[in-house]
Protein backbone atom coordinates (compact mmCIF):
# COMPACT_ATOMS: atom_id res chain seq x y z
CA UNK A 1 11.70 2.72 13.06
CA UNK A 2 10.21 6.18 12.86
CA UNK A 3 12.09 6.83 9.60
CA UNK A 4 10.44 3.76 8.08
CA UNK A 5 7.06 4.94 9.38
CA UNK A 6 7.61 8.36 7.79
CA UNK A 7 8.50 6.80 4.44
CA UNK A 8 5.44 4.52 4.59
CA UNK A 9 3.24 7.52 5.38
CA UNK A 10 4.69 9.65 2.57
CA UNK A 11 4.45 6.91 -0.05
CA UNK A 12 0.92 6.00 1.01
CA UNK A 13 -0.21 9.61 0.76
CA UNK A 14 1.28 9.89 -2.75
CA UNK A 15 -0.38 6.67 -3.93
CA UNK A 16 -3.69 7.75 -2.40
CA UNK A 17 -3.43 11.03 -4.31
CA UNK A 18 -2.72 9.14 -7.53
CA UNK A 19 -5.98 7.19 -7.15
CA UNK A 20 -8.05 10.37 -7.43
CA UNK A 21 -9.63 11.00 -10.83
CA UNK A 22 -8.53 14.66 -10.92
CA UNK A 23 -4.82 14.03 -10.40
CA UNK A 24 -2.60 15.31 -13.20
CA UNK A 25 0.59 13.28 -12.77
CA UNK A 26 -0.54 10.11 -14.55
CA UNK A 27 -2.57 9.80 -17.73
CA UNK A 28 -5.06 7.61 -15.91
CA UNK A 29 -5.69 7.40 -12.19
CA UNK A 30 -4.90 4.22 -10.28
CA UNK A 31 -7.64 1.68 -9.64
CA UNK A 32 -9.78 1.40 -6.53
CA UNK A 33 -7.72 -1.48 -5.17
CA UNK A 34 -4.75 0.90 -4.88
CA UNK A 35 -6.97 3.27 -2.90
CA UNK A 36 -7.72 0.58 -0.33
CA UNK A 37 -4.09 -0.52 -0.19
CA UNK A 38 -2.76 3.02 0.26
CA UNK A 39 -5.42 3.82 2.85
CA UNK A 40 -4.45 0.73 4.80
CA UNK A 41 -0.74 1.53 4.66
CA UNK A 42 -1.49 5.13 5.65
CA UNK A 43 -3.11 3.77 8.80
CA UNK A 44 -0.15 1.39 9.22
CA UNK A 45 2.20 4.38 9.01
CA UNK A 46 0.18 6.16 11.70
CA UNK A 47 0.39 3.06 13.88
CA UNK A 48 4.14 2.76 13.42
CA UNK A 49 4.60 6.42 14.27
CA UNK A 50 2.37 5.90 17.32
CA UNK A 51 4.66 3.10 18.52
CA UNK A 52 7.97 4.83 17.82
CA UNK A 53 7.29 8.42 18.91
CA UNK A 54 5.44 10.12 21.77
CA UNK A 55 1.71 10.11 21.05
CA UNK A 56 1.18 13.81 20.25
CA UNK A 57 4.36 13.94 18.18
CA UNK A 58 3.21 10.89 16.22
CA UNK A 59 -0.19 12.41 15.47
CA UNK A 60 1.25 15.76 14.43
CA UNK A 61 3.99 14.16 12.33
CA UNK A 62 1.47 12.01 10.50
CA UNK A 63 -0.85 14.95 9.88
CA UNK A 64 1.95 17.21 8.69
CA UNK A 65 3.25 14.61 6.23
CA UNK A 66 -0.20 13.97 4.80
CA UNK A 67 -1.02 17.68 4.53
CA UNK A 68 2.34 18.48 2.91
CA UNK A 69 2.01 15.72 0.32
CA UNK A 70 -1.58 16.57 -0.57
CA UNK A 71 -0.73 20.28 -0.75
CA UNK A 72 2.34 20.07 -2.98
CA UNK A 73 1.72 17.06 -5.24
CA UNK A 74 -0.87 18.95 -7.35
CA UNK A 75 1.79 21.54 -8.19
CA UNK A 76 4.00 18.79 -9.64
CA UNK A 77 1.22 18.07 -12.12
CA UNK A 78 1.11 21.73 -13.10
CA UNK A 79 4.88 21.90 -13.48
CA UNK A 80 4.80 18.75 -15.63
CA UNK A 81 2.03 20.23 -17.78
CA UNK A 82 3.97 23.49 -18.20
CA UNK A 83 7.17 21.64 -19.14
CA UNK A 84 5.32 19.67 -21.82
CA UNK A 85 3.82 22.90 -23.13
CA UNK A 86 7.23 24.56 -23.49
CA UNK A 87 8.70 21.70 -25.53
């Protein structure tokens, strides 16, 4: 179950990033309804981790996944931009 919770957390963090107006992966950011949905599933992922792992491990795992996604996803936009420039 904790693998499912990790996947839910990762996907929710990516979708939440894609709702921001300054993201560079999509031509247009996702609508506000996606922001609410991804925020809700991010909390769901935290709850699933809370149920399947020890409490401190669940909190740290959730935080690490969110921080990693929000730290490295912007670089994918830069890599994509650079690849388009080179073509």
